[in-house]
PDB file of N, CA and C in Angstrom:
ATOM      1  N   MET A   1       0.784  -1.233   0.038  1.00  0.00           N
ATOM      2  CA  MET A   1       0.027   0.018  -0.079  1.00  0.00           C
ATOM      3  C   MET A   1       0.922   1.197  -0.154  1.00  0.00           C
ATOM      4  N   PHE A   2       0.340   2.274  -0.648  1.00  0.00           N
ATOM      5  CA  PHE A   2       1.274   3.467  -0.700  1.00  0.00           C
ATOM      6  C   PHE A   2       0.290   4.807  -0.861  1.00  0.00           C
ATOM      7  N   GLY A   3       0.963   5.883  -0.667  1.00  0.00           N
ATOM      8  CA  GLY A   3       0.078   7.169  -0.713  1.00  0.00           C
ATOM      9  C   GLY A   3       0.869   8.048  -1.632  1.00  0.00           C
ATOM     10  N   VAL A   4       0.195   8.815  -2.391  1.00  0.00           N
ATOM     11  CA  VAL A   4       0.864   9.780  -3.305  1.00  0.00           C
ATOM     12  C   VAL A   4       0.422  11.232  -2.919  1.00  0.00           C
ATOM     13  N   THR A   5       1.543  12.043  -2.517  1.00  0.00           N
ATOM     14  CA  THR A   5       1.291  13.420  -2.015  1.00  0.00           C
ATOM     15  C   THR A   5       2.020  14.274  -2.930  1.00  0.00           C
ATOM     16  N   THR A   6       1.909  15.537  -2.576  1.00  0.00           N
ATOM     17  CA  THR A   6       2.680  16.589  -3.407  1.00  0.00           C
ATOM     18  C   THR A   6       3.663  17.403  -2.400  1.00  0.00           C
ATOM     19  N   THR A   7       4.695  17.902  -3.041  1.00  0.00           N
ATOM     20  CA  THR A   7       5.577  18.750  -2.286  1.00  0.00           C
ATOM     21  C   THR A   7       4.852  19.774  -1.520  1.00  0.00           C
ATOM     22  N   GLY A   8       3.916  20.433  -2.106  1.00  0.00           N
ATOM     23  CA  GLY A   8       3.116  21.501  -1.426  1.00  0.00           C
ATOM     24  C   GLY A   8       2.303  21.037  -0.304  1.00  0.00           C
ATOM     25  N   LEU A   9       1.679  19.852  -0.526  1.00  0.00           N
ATOM     26  CA  LEU A   9       0.878  19.392   0.607  1.00  0.00           C
ATOM     27  C   LEU A   9       1.773  18.842   1.823  1.00  0.00           C
ATOM     28  N   THR A  10       2.951  18.351   1.510  1.00  0.00           N
ATOM     29  CA  THR A  10       3.967  17.859   2.514  1.00  0.00           C
ATOM     30  C   THR A  10       4.362  19.159   3.310  1.00  0.00           C
ATOM     31  N   ALA A  11       4.672  20.206   2.731  1.00  0.00           N
ATOM     32  CA  ALA A  11       5.096  21.423   3.274  1.00  0.00           C
ATOM     33  C   ALA A  11       4.017  21.960   4.158  1.00  0.00           C
ATOM     34  N   LYS A  12       2.779  21.743   3.903  1.00  0.00           N
ATOM     35  CA  LYS A  12       1.752  22.193   4.782  1.00  0.00           C
ATOM     36  C   LYS A  12       1.425  21.349   5.874  1.00  0.00           C
ATOM     37  N   GLY A  13       2.161  20.323   5.966  1.00  0.00           N
ATOM     38  CA  GLY A  13       2.072  19.334   7.150  1.00  0.00           C
ATOM     39  C   GLY A  13       1.170  18.423   7.129  1.00  0.00           C
ATOM     40  N   ARG A  14       0.639  17.913   5.807  1.00  0.00           N
ATOM     41  CA  ARG A  14      -0.387  16.912   5.675  1.00  0.00           C
ATOM     42  C   ARG A  14       0.217  15.701   6.095  1.00  0.00           C
ATOM     43  N   ALA A  15      -0.635  14.902   6.958  1.00  0.00           N
ATOM     44  CA  ALA A  15      -0.315  13.690   7.679  1.00  0.00           C
ATOM     45  C   ALA A  15       0.072  12.696   6.760  1.00  0.00           C
ATOM     46  N   ILE A  16       1.099  11.871   6.879  1.00  0.00           N
ATOM     47  CA  ILE A  16       1.529  10.743   6.236  1.00  0.00           C
ATOM     48  C   ILE A  16       1.127   9.526   7.147  1.00  0.00           C
ATOM     49  N   VAL A  17       0.510   8.530   6.450  1.00  0.00           N
ATOM     50  CA  VAL A  17       0.054   7.308   7.162  1.00  0.00           C
ATOM     51  C   VAL A  17       1.125   6.537   7.294  1.00  0.00           C
ATOM     52  N   GLU A  18       1.310   6.189   8.678  1.00  0.00           N
ATOM     53  CA  GLU A  18       2.449   5.308   9.055  1.00  0.00           C
ATOM     54  C   GLU A  18       2.136   3.902   8.417  1.00  0.00           C
ATOM     55  N   GLY A  19       3.297   3.133   8.143  1.00  0.00           N
ATOM     56  CA  GLY A  19       3.156   1.893   7.431  1.00  0.00           C
ATOM     57  C   GLY A  19       2.970   1.636   6.017  1.00  0.00           C
ATOM     58  N   ILE A  20       2.855   2.774   5.273  1.00  0.00           N
ATOM     59  CA  ILE A  20       2.714   2.702   3.934  1.00  0.00           C
ATOM     60  C   ILE A  20       3.757   3.544   3.221  1.00  0.00           C
ATOM     61  N   GLU A  21       4.046   3.038   2.046  1.00  0.00           N
ATOM     62  CA  GLU A  21       5.055   3.762   1.193  1.00  0.00           C
ATOM     63  C   GLU A  21       4.496   5.158   0.655  1.00  0.00           C
ATOM     64  N   ASN A  22       5.223   6.316   0.900  1.00  0.00           N
ATOM     65  CA  ASN A  22       4.794   7.548   0.401  1.00  0.00           C
ATOM     66  C   ASN A  22       5.589   8.002  -0.848  1.00  0.00           C
ATOM     67  N   VAL A  23       4.900   8.370  -1.844  1.00  0.00           N
ATOM     68  CA  VAL A  23       5.591   8.966  -2.939  1.00  0.00           C
ATOM     69  C   VAL A  23       5.213  10.431  -3.185  1.00  0.00           C
ATOM     70  N   GLU A  24       6.122  11.196  -3.329  1.00  0.00           N
ATOM     71  CA  GLU A  24       5.924  12.568  -3.381  1.00  0.00           C
ATOM     72  C   GLU A  24       6.050  13.288  -4.682  1.00  0.00           C
ATOM     73  N   GLU A  25       5.036  13.883  -5.321  1.00  0.00           N
ATOM     74  CA  GLU A  25       5.157  14.376  -6.681  1.00  0.00           C
ATOM     75  C   GLU A  25       5.227  16.043  -6.517  1.00  0.00           C
ATOM     76  N   PRO A  26       5.667  16.606  -7.543  1.00  0.00           N
ATOM     77  CA  PRO A  26       5.901  18.073  -7.464  1.00  0.00           C
ATOM     78  C   PRO A  26       4.552  18.877  -7.408  1.00  0.00           C
ATOM     79  N   ASP A  27       3.356  18.311  -7.972  1.00  0.00           N
ATOM     80  CA  ASP A  27       2.299  19.075  -8.138  1.00  0.00           C
ATOM     81  C   ASP A  27       1.141  18.248  -8.141  1.00  0.00           C
ATOM     82  N   LEU A  28      -0.072  18.760  -8.131  1.00  0.00           N
ATOM     83  CA  LEU A  28      -1.302  17.931  -8.108  1.00  0.00           C
ATOM     84  C   LEU A  28      -1.536  17.192  -9.371  1.00  0.00           C
ATOM     85  N   SER A  29      -1.309  17.948 -10.638  1.00  0.00           N
ATOM     86  CA  SER A  29      -1.528  17.180 -11.890  1.00  0.00           C
ATOM     87  C   SER A  29      -0.618  15.972 -11.987  1.00  0.00           C
ATOM     88  N   THR A  30       0.660  16.231 -11.586  1.00  0.00           N
ATOM     89  CA  THR A  30       1.567  14.918 -11.611  1.00  0.00           C
ATOM     90  C   THR A  30       1.016  13.785 -10.744  1.00  0.00           C
ATOM     91  N   ARG A  31       0.706  14.327  -9.524  1.00  0.00           N
ATOM     92  CA  ARG A  31      -0.010  13.267  -8.465  1.00  0.00           C
ATOM     93  C   ARG A  31      -1.209  12.500  -9.262  1.00  0.00           C
ATOM     94  N   ILE A  32      -1.961  13.213  -9.828  1.00  0.00           N
ATOM     95  CA  ILE A  32      -3.069  12.512 -10.325  1.00  0.00           C
ATOM     96  C   ILE A  32      -2.622  11.548 -11.544  1.00  0.00           C
ATOM     97  N   LYS A  33      -1.923  11.945 -12.368  1.00  0.00           N
ATOM     98  CA  LYS A  33      -1.155  11.201 -13.286  1.00  0.00           C
ATOM     99  C   LYS A  33      -0.549   9.861 -12.680  1.00  0.00           C
ATOM    100  N   HIS A  34       0.151  10.044 -11.616  1.00  0.00           N
ATOM    101  CA  HIS A  34       0.883   8.965 -11.010  1.00  0.00           C
ATOM    102  C   HIS A  34      -0.206   7.899 -10.452  1.00  0.00           C
ATOM    103  N   MET A  35      -1.191   8.450  -9.722  1.00  0.00           N
ATOM    104  CA  MET A  35      -2.320   7.546  -9.129  1.00  0.00           C
ATOM    105  C   MET A  35      -2.993   6.796 -10.230  1.00  0.00           C
ATOM    106  N   VAL A  36      -3.419   7.551 -11.279  1.00  0.00           N
ATOM    107  CA  VAL A  36      -4.073   6.933 -12.452  1.00  0.00           C
ATOM    108  C   VAL A  36      -3.315   5.767 -13.091  1.00  0.00           C
ATOM    109  N   SER A  37      -2.060   6.056 -13.356  1.00  0.00           N
ATOM    110  CA  SER A  37      -1.127   5.182 -14.016  1.00  0.00           C
ATOM    111  C   SER A  37      -1.051   3.737 -13.216  1.00  0.00           C
ATOM    112  N   MET A  38      -1.301   3.764 -11.911  1.00  0.00           N
ATOM    113  CA  MET A  38      -1.048   2.648 -11.082  1.00  0.00           C
ATOM    114  C   MET A  38      -2.503   1.934 -10.592  1.00  0.00           C
ATOM    115  N   SER A  39      -3.567   2.420 -11.222  1.00  0.00           N
ATOM    116  CA  SER A  39      -4.819   2.044 -10.769  1.00  0.00           C
ATOM    117  C   SER A  39      -5.918   1.603 -11.869  1.00  0.00           C
ATOM    118  N   ASP A  40      -6.761   0.655 -11.409  1.00  0.00           N
ATOM    119  CA  ASP A  40      -7.766   0.187 -12.463  1.00  0.00           C
ATOM    120  C   ASP A  40      -9.034   0.385 -11.807  1.00  0.00           C
ATOM    121  N   ALA A  41      -9.155   0.816 -10.515  1.00  0.00           N
ATOM    122  CA  ALA A  41     -10.458   1.249  -9.976  1.00  0.00           C
ATOM    123  C   ALA A  41     -10.127   2.481  -9.106  1.00  0.00           C
ATOM    124  N   PHE A  42     -11.289   3.253  -8.975  1.00  0.00           N
ATOM    125  CA  PHE A  42     -11.206   4.369  -8.219  1.00  0.00           C
ATOM    126  C   PHE A  42     -12.369   4.564  -7.404  1.00  0.00           C
ATOM    127  N   VAL A  43     -12.064   4.795  -6.125  1.00  0.00           N
ATOM    128  CA  VAL A  43     -13.117   4.992  -5.171  1.00  0.00           C
ATOM    129  C   VAL A  43     -12.976   6.394  -4.562  1.00  0.00           C
ATOM    130  N   THR A  44     -14.091   7.275  -4.578  1.00  0.00           N
ATOM    131  CA  THR A  44     -14.082   8.585  -4.013  1.00  0.00           C
ATOM    132  C   THR A  44     -14.735   8.612  -2.782  1.00  0.00           C
ATOM    133  N   LEU A  45     -13.918   9.147  -1.726  1.00  0.00           N
ATOM    134  CA  LEU A  45     -14.610   9.241  -0.465  1.00  0.00           C
ATOM    135  C   LEU A  45     -14.807  10.711  -0.251  1.00  0.00           C
ATOM    136  N   PRO A  46     -15.657  11.168   0.788  1.00  0.00           N
ATOM    137  CA  PRO A  46     -16.022  12.420   0.969  1.00  0.00           C
ATOM    138  C   PRO A  46     -14.659  13.205   1.135  1.00  0.00           C
ATOM    139  N   GLY A  47     -14.526  14.405   0.558  1.00  0.00           N
ATOM    140  CA  GLY A  47     -13.339  15.219   0.679  1.00  0.00           C
ATOM    141  C   GLY A  47     -13.619  16.605   0.122  1.00  0.00           C
ATOM    142  N   GLY A  48     -12.526  17.413  -0.123  1.00  0.00           N
ATOM    143  CA  GLY A  48     -12.605  18.766  -0.552  1.00  0.00           C
ATOM    144  C   GLY A  48     -12.280  18.953  -2.044  1.00  0.00           C
ATOM    145  N   LEU A  49     -11.722  20.146  -2.316  1.00  0.00           N
ATOM    146  CA  LEU A  49     -11.636  20.503  -3.827  1.00  0.00           C
ATOM    147  C   LEU A  49     -10.640  19.583  -4.521  1.00  0.00           C
ATOM    148  N   GLY A  50      -9.647  19.163  -3.911  1.00  0.00           N
ATOM    149  CA  GLY A  50      -8.736  18.282  -4.428  1.00  0.00           C
ATOM    150  C   GLY A  50      -9.440  16.914  -4.784  1.00  0.00           C
ATOM    151  N   THR A  51     -10.261  16.415  -3.890  1.00  0.00           N
ATOM    152  CA  THR A  51     -10.887  15.204  -4.027  1.00  0.00           C
ATOM    153  C   THR A  51     -11.884  15.254  -5.355  1.00  0.00           C
ATOM    154  N   PHE A  52     -12.547  16.494  -5.397  1.00  0.00           N
ATOM    155  CA  PHE A  52     -13.454  16.642  -6.488  1.00  0.00           C
ATOM    156  C   PHE A  52     -12.704  16.722  -7.870  1.00  0.00           C
ATOM    157  N   GLU A  53     -11.418  17.473  -7.845  1.00  0.00           N
ATOM    158  CA  GLU A  53     -10.707  17.389  -8.999  1.00  0.00           C
ATOM    159  C   GLU A  53     -10.354  16.134  -9.481  1.00  0.00           C
ATOM    160  N   GLU A  54      -9.803  15.320  -8.667  1.00  0.00           N
ATOM    161  CA  GLU A  54      -9.377  13.878  -8.844  1.00  0.00           C
ATOM    162  C   GLU A  54     -10.610  13.108  -9.523  1.00  0.00           C
ATOM    163  N   PHE A  55     -11.729  13.175  -8.891  1.00  0.00           N
ATOM    164  CA  PHE A  55     -12.916  12.378  -9.355  1.00  0.00           C
ATOM    165  C   PHE A  55     -13.269  12.849 -10.694  1.00  0.00           C
ATOM    166  N   PHE A  56     -13.425  14.019 -10.940  1.00  0.00           N
ATOM    167  CA  PHE A  56     -13.780  14.620 -12.373  1.00  0.00           C
ATOM    168  C   PHE A  56     -12.594  14.361 -13.300  1.00  0.00           C
ATOM    169  N   SER A  57     -11.360  14.527 -12.912  1.00  0.00           N
ATOM    170  CA  SER A  57     -10.325  14.100 -13.857  1.00  0.00           C
ATOM    171  C   SER A  57     -10.647  12.612 -14.261  1.00  0.00           C
ATOM    172  N   VAL A  58     -10.654  11.706 -13.275  1.00  0.00           N
ATOM    173  CA  VAL A  58     -10.854  10.275 -13.780  1.00  0.00           C
ATOM    174  C   VAL A  58     -11.974   9.856 -14.464  1.00  0.00           C
ATOM    175  N   MET A  59     -13.099  10.668 -14.112  1.00  0.00           N
ATOM    176  CA  MET A  59     -14.433  10.494 -14.835  1.00  0.00           C
ATOM    177  C   MET A  59     -14.513  10.837 -16.213  1.00  0.00           C
ATOM    178  N   SER A  60     -13.734  12.011 -16.491  1.00  0.00           N
ATOM    179  CA  SER A  60     -13.514  12.634 -17.768  1.00  0.00           C
ATOM    180  C   SER A  60     -12.657  11.715 -18.566  1.00  0.00           C
ATOM    181  N   GLN A  61     -11.631  11.301 -18.003  1.00  0.00           N
ATOM    182  CA  GLN A  61     -10.751  10.320 -18.872  1.00  0.00           C
ATOM    183  C   GLN A  61     -11.351   9.001 -19.166  1.00  0.00           C
ATOM    184  N   ILE A  62     -12.323   8.475 -18.363  1.00  0.00           N
ATOM    185  CA  ILE A  62     -12.969   7.139 -18.605  1.00  0.00           C
ATOM    186  C   ILE A  62     -14.165   7.650 -19.681  1.00  0.00           C
ATOM    187  N   LYS A  63     -14.793   8.626 -19.625  1.00  0.00           N
ATOM    188  CA  LYS A  63     -15.669   8.991 -20.500  1.00  0.00           C
ATOM    189  C   LYS A  63     -15.143   9.221 -21.993  1.00  0.00           C
ATOM    190  N   ALA A  64     -13.872   9.765 -22.067  1.00  0.00           N
ATOM    191  CA  ALA A  64     -13.292  10.044 -23.248  1.00  0.00           C
ATOM    192  C   ALA A  64     -12.642   8.877 -23.860  1.00  0.00           C
ATOM    193  N   GLY A  65     -12.708   7.757 -22.986  1.00  0.00           N
ATOM    194  CA  GLY A  65     -11.988   6.521 -23.584  1.00  0.00           C
ATOM    195  C   GLY A  65     -10.354   6.502 -23.531  1.00  0.00           C
ATOM    196  N   GLU A  66      -9.842   7.365 -22.670  1.00  0.00           N
ATOM    197  CA  GLU A  66      -8.603   7.512 -22.514  1.00  0.00           C
ATOM    198  C   GLU A  66      -8.106   6.719 -21.323  1.00  0.00           C
ATOM    199  N   LEU A  67      -9.065   6.209 -20.448  1.00  0.00           N
ATOM    200  CA  LEU A  67      -8.578   5.302 -19.360  1.00  0.00           C
ATOM    201  C   LEU A  67      -9.683   4.275 -19.239  1.00  0.00           C
ATOM    202  N   LYS A  68      -9.182   3.046 -19.024  1.00  0.00           N
ATOM    203  CA  LYS A  68     -10.167   1.843 -19.112  1.00  0.00           C
ATOM    204  C   LYS A  68     -10.238   1.552 -17.475  1.00  0.00           C
ATOM    205  N   ALA A  69     -11.156   1.954 -16.811  1.00  0.00           N
ATOM    206  CA  ALA A  69     -11.181   1.754 -15.320  1.00  0.00           C
ATOM    207  C   ALA A  69     -12.658   1.783 -14.824  1.00  0.00           C
ATOM    208  N   THR A  70     -12.846   1.376 -13.630  1.00  0.00           N
ATOM    209  CA  THR A  70     -14.102   1.457 -12.970  1.00  0.00           C
ATOM    210  C   THR A  70     -13.976   2.595 -11.780  1.00  0.00           C
ATOM    211  N   CYS A  71     -15.220   3.228 -11.518  1.00  0.00           N
ATOM    212  CA  CYS A  71     -15.101   4.261 -10.601  1.00  0.00           C
ATOM    213  C   CYS A  71     -16.331   4.100  -9.741  1.00  0.00           C
ATOM    214  N   ALA A  72     -16.277   4.728  -8.545  1.00  0.00           N
ATOM    215  CA  ALA A  72     -17.322   4.635  -7.476  1.00  0.00           C
ATOM    216  C   ALA A  72     -17.319   5.810  -6.581  1.00  0.00           C
ATOM    217  N   LEU A  73     -18.476   6.243  -6.007  1.00  0.00           N
ATOM    218  CA  LEU A  73     -18.489   7.175  -4.949  1.00  0.00           C
ATOM    219  C   LEU A  73     -18.952   6.431  -3.689  1.00  0.00           C
ATOM    220  N   LEU A  74     -18.352   6.667  -2.654  1.00  0.00           N
ATOM    221  CA  LEU A  74     -18.817   6.055  -1.341  1.00  0.00           C
ATOM    222  C   LEU A  74     -19.589   7.280  -0.676  1.00  0.00           C
ATOM    223  N   ASP A  75     -20.975   7.353  -0.758  1.00  0.00           N
ATOM    224  CA  ASP A  75     -21.678   8.235  -0.219  1.00  0.00           C
ATOM    225  C   ASP A  75     -22.020   8.183   1.223  1.00  0.00           C
ATOM    226  N   VAL A  76     -21.054   8.607   2.000  1.00  0.00           N
ATOM    227  CA  VAL A  76     -21.242   8.646   3.433  1.00  0.00           C
ATOM    228  C   VAL A  76     -22.174   9.660   3.956  1.00  0.00           C
ATOM    229  N   ASP A  77     -23.273   9.059   4.621  1.00  0.00           N
ATOM    230  CA  ASP A  77     -24.145  10.039   5.224  1.00  0.00           C
ATOM    231  C   ASP A  77     -24.724  10.927   4.184  1.00  0.00           C
ATOM    232  N   GLY A  78     -24.885  10.734   2.978  1.00  0.00           N
ATOM    233  CA  GLY A  78     -25.591  11.480   2.061  1.00  0.00           C
ATOM    234  C   GLY A  78     -24.631  12.705   1.398  1.00  0.00           C
ATOM    235  N   TYR A  79     -23.261  12.530   1.884  1.00  0.00           N
ATOM    236  CA  TYR A  79     -22.364  13.672   1.497  1.00  0.00           C
ATOM    237  C   TYR A  79     -22.435  14.056  -0.050  1.00  0.00           C
ATOM    238  N   PHE A  80     -22.462  12.955  -0.729  1.00  0.00           N
ATOM    239  CA  PHE A  80     -22.297  13.122  -2.222  1.00  0.00           C
ATOM    240  C   PHE A  80     -23.897  13.397  -2.962  1.00  0.00           C
ATOM    241  N   LYS A  81     -24.882  13.362  -2.082  1.00  0.00           N
ATOM    242  CA  LYS A  81     -26.279  13.398  -2.799  1.00  0.00           C
ATOM    243  C   LYS A  81     -26.453  14.650  -3.579  1.00  0.00           C
ATOM    244  N   PRO A  82     -25.873  15.885  -3.231  1.00  0.00           N
ATOM    245  CA  PRO A  82     -26.074  16.979  -4.115  1.00  0.00           C
ATOM    246  C   PRO A  82     -25.237  16.818  -5.600  1.00  0.00           C
ATOM    247  N   LEU A  83     -24.118  16.245  -5.393  1.00  0.00           N
ATOM    248  CA  LEU A  83     -23.367  15.903  -6.570  1.00  0.00           C
ATOM    249  C   LEU A  83     -24.102  14.933  -7.544  1.00  0.00           C
ATOM    250  N   VAL A  84     -24.511  13.924  -7.012  1.00  0.00           N
ATOM    251  CA  VAL A  84     -25.304  12.917  -7.778  1.00  0.00           C
ATOM    252  C   VAL A  84     -26.572  13.468  -8.463  1.00  0.00           C
ATOM    253  N   GLU A  85     -27.202  14.425  -7.766  1.00  0.00           N
ATOM    254  CA  GLU A  85     -28.334  15.178  -8.385  1.00  0.00           C
ATOM    255  C   GLU A  85     -27.861  15.995  -9.319  1.00  0.00           C
ATOM    256  N   MET A  86     -26.885  16.630  -9.256  1.00  0.00           N
ATOM    257  CA  MET A  86     -26.312  17.586 -10.231  1.00  0.00           C
ATOM    258  C   MET A  86     -25.877  16.825 -11.613  1.00  0.00           C
ATOM    259  N   LEU A  87     -25.103  15.778 -11.304  1.00  0.00           N
ATOM    260  CA  LEU A  87     -24.752  15.009 -12.467  1.00  0.00           C
ATOM    261  C   LEU A  87     -25.936  14.230 -13.233  1.00  0.00           C
ATOM    262  N   ASP A  88     -26.969  13.859 -12.454  1.00  0.00           N
ATOM    263  CA  ASP A  88     -28.097  13.261 -12.895  1.00  0.00           C
ATOM    264  C   ASP A  88     -28.868  14.375 -13.893  1.00  0.00           C
ATOM    265  N   LEU A  89     -28.874  15.652 -13.264  1.00  0.00           N
ATOM    266  CA  LEU A  89     -29.657  16.831 -13.999  1.00  0.00           C
ATOM    267  C   LEU A  89     -28.781  17.089 -15.252  1.00  0.00           C
ATOM    268  N   SER A  90     -27.421  17.025 -15.346  1.00  0.00           N
ATOM    269  CA  SER A  90     -26.721  17.457 -16.420  1.00  0.00           C
ATOM    270  C   SER A  90     -27.077  16.263 -17.594  1.00  0.00           C
ATOM    271  N   CYS A  91     -27.271  15.137 -17.227  1.00  0.00           N
ATOM    272  CA  CYS A  91     -27.827  14.084 -18.174  1.00  0.00           C
ATOM    273  C   CYS A  91     -29.134  14.251 -18.761  1.00  0.00           C
ATOM    274  N   GLU A  92     -30.112  14.648 -17.633  1.00  0.00           N
ATOM    275  CA  GLU A  92     -31.558  14.896 -18.089  1.00  0.00           C
ATOM    276  C   GLU A  92     -31.716  16.160 -18.962  1.00  0.00           C
ATOM    277  N   THR A  93     -30.806  17.018 -18.643  1.00  0.00           N
ATOM    278  CA  THR A  93     -30.988  18.352 -19.629  1.00  0.00           C
ATOM    279  C   THR A  93     -30.215  18.277 -20.708  1.00  0.00           C
ATOM    280  N   GLY A  94     -29.492  17.206 -20.972  1.00  0.00           N
ATOM    281  CA  GLY A  94     -28.726  16.988 -22.317  1.00  0.00           C
ATOM    282  C   GLY A  94     -27.361  17.686 -22.191  1.00  0.00           C
ATOM    283  N   LEU A  95     -27.038  18.289 -20.984  1.00  0.00           N
ATOM    284  CA  LEU A  95     -25.732  18.944 -20.996  1.00  0.00           C
ATOM    285  C   LEU A  95     -24.370  17.965 -20.950  1.00  0.00           C
ATOM    286  N   ASN A  96     -24.738  16.839 -20.639  1.00  0.00           N
ATOM    287  CA  ASN A  96     -23.774  15.704 -20.525  1.00  0.00           C
ATOM    288  C   ASN A  96     -24.026  14.701 -21.730  1.00  0.00           C
ATOM    289  N   SER A  97     -23.192  14.419 -22.420  1.00  0.00           N
ATOM    290  CA  SER A  97     -23.353  13.612 -23.628  1.00  0.00           C
ATOM    291  C   SER A  97     -23.677  12.220 -23.322  1.00  0.00           C
ATOM    292  N   CYS A  98     -23.458  11.732 -22.132  1.00  0.00           N
ATOM    293  CA  CYS A  98     -23.857  10.285 -21.830  1.00  0.00           C
ATOM    294  C   CYS A  98     -24.112  10.271 -20.335  1.00  0.00           C
ATOM    295  N   ASP A  99     -24.679   9.078 -19.973  1.00  0.00           N
ATOM    296  CA  ASP A  99     -24.994   8.915 -18.618  1.00  0.00           C
ATOM    297  C   ASP A  99     -23.845   8.537 -17.781  1.00  0.00           C
ATOM    298  N   TRP A 100     -23.571   9.449 -16.723  1.00  0.00           N
ATOM    299  CA  TRP A 100     -22.263   9.330 -16.063  1.00  0.00           C
ATOM    300  C   TRP A 100     -22.484   7.881 -15.292  1.00  0.00           C
ATOM    301  N   ARG A 101     -23.574   7.531 -14.948  1.00  0.00           N
ATOM    302  CA  ARG A 101     -23.830   6.310 -14.157  1.00  0.00           C
ATOM    303  C   ARG A 101     -23.409   5.073 -14.946  1.00  0.00           C
ATOM    304  N   ALA A 102     -23.062   5.107 -16.283  1.00  0.00           N
ATOM    305  CA  ALA A 102     -22.440   4.000 -17.099  1.00  0.00           C
ATOM    306  C   ALA A 102     -21.254   3.557 -16.754  1.00  0.00           C
ATOM    307  N   PHE A 103     -20.395   4.559 -16.131  1.00  0.00           N
ATOM    308  CA  PHE A 103     -18.981   4.268 -15.655  1.00  0.00           C
ATOM    309  C   PHE A 103     -18.718   4.678 -14.237  1.00  0.00           C
ATOM    310  N   CYS A 104     -19.774   4.890 -13.391  1.00  0.00           N
ATOM    311  CA  CYS A 104     -19.521   5.199 -12.077  1.00  0.00           C
ATOM    312  C   CYS A 104     -20.756   4.843 -11.163  1.00  0.00           C
ATOM    313  N   ASP A 105     -20.365   4.060 -10.135  1.00  0.00           N
ATOM    314  CA  ASP A 105     -21.397   3.559  -9.203  1.00  0.00           C
ATOM    315  C   ASP A 105     -21.390   4.227  -7.958  1.00  0.00           C
ATOM    316  N   VAL A 106     -22.558   4.366  -7.301  1.00  0.00           N
ATOM    317  CA  VAL A 106     -22.691   5.136  -6.030  1.00  0.00           C
ATOM    318  C   VAL A 106     -23.165   4.040  -4.926  1.00  0.00           C
ATOM    319  N   PHE A 107     -22.398   4.037  -3.790  1.00  0.00           N
ATOM    320  CA  PHE A 107     -22.549   3.016  -2.703  1.00  0.00           C
ATOM    321  C   PHE A 107     -22.690   3.730  -1.405  1.00  0.00           C
ATOM    322  N   THR A 108     -23.274   3.179  -0.356  1.00  0.00           N
ATOM    323  CA  THR A 108     -23.520   3.826   0.793  1.00  0.00           C
ATOM    324  C   THR A 108     -22.781   3.227   1.898  1.00  0.00           C
ATOM    325  N   THR A 109     -22.208   2.072   1.617  1.00  0.00           N
ATOM    326  CA  THR A 109     -21.442   1.347   2.824  1.00  0.00           C
ATOM    327  C   THR A 109     -20.148   0.929   2.359  1.00  0.00           C
ATOM    328  N   PRO A 110     -19.156   0.855   3.075  1.00  0.00           N
ATOM    329  CA  PRO A 110     -17.789   0.313   2.770  1.00  0.00           C
ATOM    330  C   PRO A 110     -17.873  -1.229   2.350  1.00  0.00           C
ATOM    331  N   ASP A 111     -18.814  -2.029   2.947  1.00  0.00           N
ATOM    332  CA  ASP A 111     -18.968  -3.325   2.543  1.00  0.00           C
ATOM    333  C   ASP A 111     -19.316  -3.399   0.982  1.00  0.00           C
ATOM    334  N   ASP A 112     -20.353  -2.711   0.621  1.00  0.00           N
ATOM    335  CA  ASP A 112     -20.714  -2.739  -0.727  1.00  0.00           C
ATOM    336  C   ASP A 112     -19.613  -2.184  -1.638  1.00  0.00           C
ATOM    337  N   ILE A 113     -18.755  -1.332  -1.325  1.00  0.00           N
ATOM    338  CA  ILE A 113     -17.606  -0.904  -2.078  1.00  0.00           C
ATOM    339  C   ILE A 113     -16.715  -2.331  -2.218  1.00  0.00           C
ATOM    340  N   ILE A 114     -16.392  -2.980  -1.016  1.00  0.00           N
ATOM    341  CA  ILE A 114     -15.534  -4.019  -1.109  1.00  0.00           C
ATOM    342  C   ILE A 114     -16.166  -5.122  -2.038  1.00  0.00           C
ATOM    343  N   ASP A 115     -17.475  -5.423  -1.942  1.00  0.00           N
ATOM    344  CA  ASP A 115     -18.093  -6.325  -2.825  1.00  0.00           C
ATOM    345  C   ASP A 115     -17.865  -6.046  -4.304  1.00  0.00           C
ATOM    346  N   TRP A 116     -18.022  -4.728  -4.604  1.00  0.00           N
ATOM    347  CA  TRP A 116     -17.932  -4.251  -5.952  1.00  0.00           C
ATOM    348  C   TRP A 116     -16.430  -4.399  -6.482  1.00  0.00           C
ATOM    349  N   LEU A 117     -15.617  -4.060  -5.556  1.00  0.00           N
ATOM    350  CA  LEU A 117     -14.090  -4.204  -5.849  1.00  0.00           C
ATOM    351  C   LEU A 117     -13.738  -5.585  -6.108  1.00  0.00           C
ATOM    352  N   GLU A 118     -14.335  -6.582  -5.542  1.00  0.00           N
ATOM    353  CA  GLU A 118     -14.007  -7.873  -5.563  1.00  0.00           C
ATOM    354  C   GLU A 118     -14.467  -8.485  -6.819  1.00  0.00           C
ATOM    355  N   LYS A 119     -15.473  -8.033  -7.564  1.00  0.00           N
ATOM    356  CA  LYS A 119     -16.207  -8.431  -8.673  1.00  0.00           C
ATOM    357  C   LYS A 119     -15.275  -8.099  -9.804  1.00  0.00           C
TER     358      LYS A 119
END
């Protein structure tokens, strides 16, 4: 297991999880590229702007056919409900060219995510 951080996040004192290998990249774009290159499934947990950037970057790459992967949201206590509604609305109004749910699942429990990952 490993974590990928950035020089800037490290300088801000972001916690490093003990017991895992840490890889430091110079910036967020390089960080995302590194994580994507080593992954075939992506699970987004509640987070802030960086989390949203990573989620949308991965989703856009999957939609564009640039990345062959699966994606999921772990909707803890309804955190992603407004995002799910916004994405559904983008499809209903025709602003999104395809149904985002075709390449992203939404789960409410960690056990459901584990089952999904094991399939």
